[in-house]
C-alpha atoms as a PDB file:
ATOM      1  CA  MET A   1     -28.692   4.669  -1.625  1.00  0.00           C
ATOM      2  CA  ASP A   2     -26.305   1.723  -1.704  1.00  0.00           C
ATOM      3  CA  ASN A   3     -22.769   2.152  -2.923  1.00  0.00           C
ATOM      4  CA  ILE A   4     -22.637  -0.621  -5.532  1.00  0.00           C
ATOM      5  CA  SER A   5     -19.837  -1.104  -8.055  1.00  0.00           C
ATOM      6  CA  LEU A   6     -20.069  -3.198 -11.182  1.00  0.00           C
ATOM      7  CA  VAL A   7     -16.605  -4.372 -12.118  1.00  0.00           C
ATOM      8  CA  GLN A   8     -15.645  -6.887 -14.805  1.00  0.00           C
ATOM      9  CA  LYS A   9     -13.430  -9.862 -13.921  1.00  0.00           C
ATOM     10  CA  TYR A  10     -10.573  -8.669 -16.149  1.00  0.00           C
ATOM     11  CA  GLU A  11     -10.764  -5.221 -14.522  1.00  0.00           C
ATOM     12  CA  ILE A  12     -10.423  -6.782 -11.057  1.00  0.00           C
ATOM     13  CA  ASP A  13      -7.301  -8.672 -12.114  1.00  0.00           C
ATOM     14  CA  GLY A  14      -5.822  -5.471 -13.555  1.00  0.00           C
ATOM     15  CA  LYS A  15      -6.592  -3.565 -10.346  1.00  0.00           C
ATOM     16  CA  ILE A  16      -5.050  -6.335  -8.234  1.00  0.00           C
ATOM     17  CA  GLN A  17      -1.894  -6.276 -10.362  1.00  0.00           C
ATOM     18  CA  LYS A  18      -1.666  -2.505  -9.922  1.00  0.00           C
ATOM     19  CA  ILE A  19      -1.969  -2.891  -6.129  1.00  0.00           C
ATOM     20  CA  ILE A  20       0.677  -5.635  -6.088  1.00  0.00           C
ATOM     21  CA  ARG A  21       3.100  -3.416  -8.046  1.00  0.00           C
ATOM     22  CA  GLN A  22       2.619  -0.461  -5.689  1.00  0.00           C
ATOM     23  CA  THR A  23       2.516  -2.321  -2.359  1.00  0.00           C
ATOM     24  CA  ASP A  24       3.891  -5.474  -0.807  1.00  0.00           C
ATOM     25  CA  TYR A  25       0.455  -7.115  -0.630  1.00  0.00           C
ATOM     26  CA  SER A  26      -0.001 -10.640  -1.958  1.00  0.00           C
ATOM     27  CA  TYR A  27      -2.639 -11.474  -4.560  1.00  0.00           C
ATOM     28  CA  ASP A  28      -5.108 -12.635  -1.893  1.00  0.00           C
ATOM     29  CA  LYS A  29      -4.469  -9.665   0.389  1.00  0.00           C
ATOM     30  CA  SER A  30      -4.872  -7.279  -2.580  1.00  0.00           C
ATOM     31  CA  ARG A  31      -8.173  -8.885  -3.519  1.00  0.00           C
ATOM     32  CA  GLU A  32      -9.383  -8.627   0.085  1.00  0.00           C
ATOM     33  CA  LYS A  33      -8.385  -4.952   0.343  1.00  0.00           C
ATOM     34  CA  LEU A  34      -9.985  -4.224  -3.021  1.00  0.00           C
ATOM     35  CA  LYS A  35     -13.295  -5.610  -1.751  1.00  0.00           C
ATOM     36  CA  GLU A  36     -12.901  -3.614   1.472  1.00  0.00           C
ATOM     37  CA  TYR A  37     -12.426  -0.360  -0.463  1.00  0.00           C
ATOM     38  CA  ASN A  38     -15.300  -0.994  -2.897  1.00  0.00           C
ATOM     39  CA  PHE A  39     -13.005  -1.984  -5.794  1.00  0.00           C
ATOM     40  CA  ASP A  40     -11.160   1.341  -5.845  1.00  0.00           C
ATOM     41  CA  GLU A  41      -7.481   0.497  -6.253  1.00  0.00           C
ATOM     42  CA  ILE A  42      -6.396   4.106  -5.669  1.00  0.00           C
ATOM     43  CA  LEU A  43      -7.991   4.105  -2.214  1.00  0.00           C
ATOM     44  CA  VAL A  44      -6.268   0.794  -1.394  1.00  0.00           C
ATOM     45  CA  ILE A  45      -2.865   2.205  -2.352  1.00  0.00           C
ATOM     46  CA  LYS A  46      -3.501   5.481  -0.480  1.00  0.00           C
ATOM     47  CA  ALA A  47      -4.533   3.548   2.622  1.00  0.00           C
ATOM     48  CA  TYR A  48      -1.375   1.434   2.380  1.00  0.00           C
ATOM     49  CA  PHE A  49       0.796   4.561   2.377  1.00  0.00           C
ATOM     50  CA  GLY A  50      -1.330   6.292   5.029  1.00  0.00           C
ATOM     51  CA  ILE A  51      -2.527   9.082   2.745  1.00  0.00           C
ATOM     52  CA  THR A  52      -5.753  10.687   3.886  1.00  0.00           C
ATOM     53  CA  ASN A  53      -7.987  13.252   2.288  1.00  0.00           C
ATOM     54  CA  LYS A  54      -6.852  16.600   3.675  1.00  0.00           C
ATOM     55  CA  ASN A  55      -9.735  18.609   2.292  1.00  0.00           C
ATOM     56  CA  SER A  56     -12.419  17.641   4.807  1.00  0.00           C
ATOM     57  CA  THR A  57     -14.609  20.670   4.069  1.00  0.00           C
ATOM     58  CA  PRO A  58     -15.596  21.152   0.450  1.00  0.00           C
ATOM     59  CA  ILE A  59     -15.006  24.526  -1.164  1.00  0.00           C
ATOM     60  CA  LYS A  60     -18.308  26.156  -1.985  1.00  0.00           C
ATOM     61  CA  SER A  61     -16.991  28.883  -4.274  1.00  0.00           C
ATOM     62  CA  VAL A  62     -13.767  30.389  -5.550  1.00  0.00           C
ATOM     63  CA  ASN A  63     -14.359  33.574  -3.559  1.00  0.00           C
ATOM     64  CA  GLN A  64     -14.700  31.620  -0.318  1.00  0.00           C
ATOM     65  CA  GLU A  65     -11.379  29.902  -0.971  1.00  0.00           C
ATOM     66  CA  ILE A  66      -9.675  33.224  -1.795  1.00  0.00           C
ATOM     67  CA  TYR A  67     -10.864  34.848   1.430  1.00  0.00           C
ATOM     68  CA  LYS A  68     -10.029  31.733   3.444  1.00  0.00           C
ATOM     69  CA  GLN A  69      -6.454  31.822   2.135  1.00  0.00           C
ATOM     70  CA  LEU A  70      -6.213  35.578   2.845  1.00  0.00           C
ATOM     71  CA  ARG A  71      -7.359  35.043   6.446  1.00  0.00           C
ATOM     72  CA  ILE A  72      -4.826  32.269   6.950  1.00  0.00           C
ATOM     73  CA  LYS A  73      -1.994  34.407   5.534  1.00  0.00           C
ATOM     74  CA  LEU A  74      -2.936  37.468   7.599  1.00  0.00           C
ATOM     75  CA  ASP A  75      -3.294  35.438  10.808  1.00  0.00           C
ATOM     76  CA  THR A  76       0.114  33.873  10.228  1.00  0.00           C
ATOM     77  CA  SER A  77       1.705  37.256   9.527  1.00  0.00           C
ATOM     78  CA  VAL A  78       0.235  38.807  12.675  1.00  0.00           C
ATOM     79  CA  ARG A  79       1.411  35.872  14.800  1.00  0.00           C
ATOM     80  CA  GLU A  80       4.935  36.118  13.378  1.00  0.00           C
ATOM     81  CA  TYR A  81       4.973  39.899  13.939  1.00  0.00           C
ATOM     82  CA  LYS A  82       3.923  39.481  17.579  1.00  0.00           C
ATOM     83  CA  VAL A  83       6.708  36.941  18.126  1.00  0.00           C
ATOM     84  CA  ARG A  84       9.246  39.353  16.615  1.00  0.00           C
ATOM     85  CA  LEU A  85       7.875  42.164  18.810  1.00  0.00           C
ATOM     86  CA  ASP A  86       8.308  40.041  21.936  1.00  0.00           C
ATOM     87  CA  LYS A  87      11.893  39.235  20.939  1.00  0.00           C
ATOM     88  CA  GLY A  88      12.626  42.917  20.273  1.00  0.00           C
ATOM     89  CA  GLU A  89      13.314  42.325  16.583  1.00  0.00           C
ATOM     90  CA  ALA A  90      10.480  44.592  15.411  1.00  0.00           C
ATOM     91  CA  LYS A  91       9.172  48.030  16.299  1.00  0.00           C
ATOM     92  CA  ILE A  92       5.620  49.263  16.648  1.00  0.00           C
ATOM     93  CA  ILE A  93       4.864  51.654  13.798  1.00  0.00           C
ATOM     94  CA  ILE A  94       2.054  54.113  14.308  1.00  0.00           C
END
């Protein structure tokens, strides 16, 4: 399926003005970038500032995200504890 956008002329001018206000692009450069990013002014501005989408894997459910965050927190805690053990700042509790 093609990714086609239907945008009115007055909408394009408004999007270009928004890009000009947020960046140092000229009118022509803004129009060129707008075409490059399929007339999405937010993507043009994000690209200008180097902002990328951090969430590369979509979340399938709330439970998956909860357990993912728990695993990250526990892994971080265990790593920090091992570092403290190596430095002698922590004791092994049995």
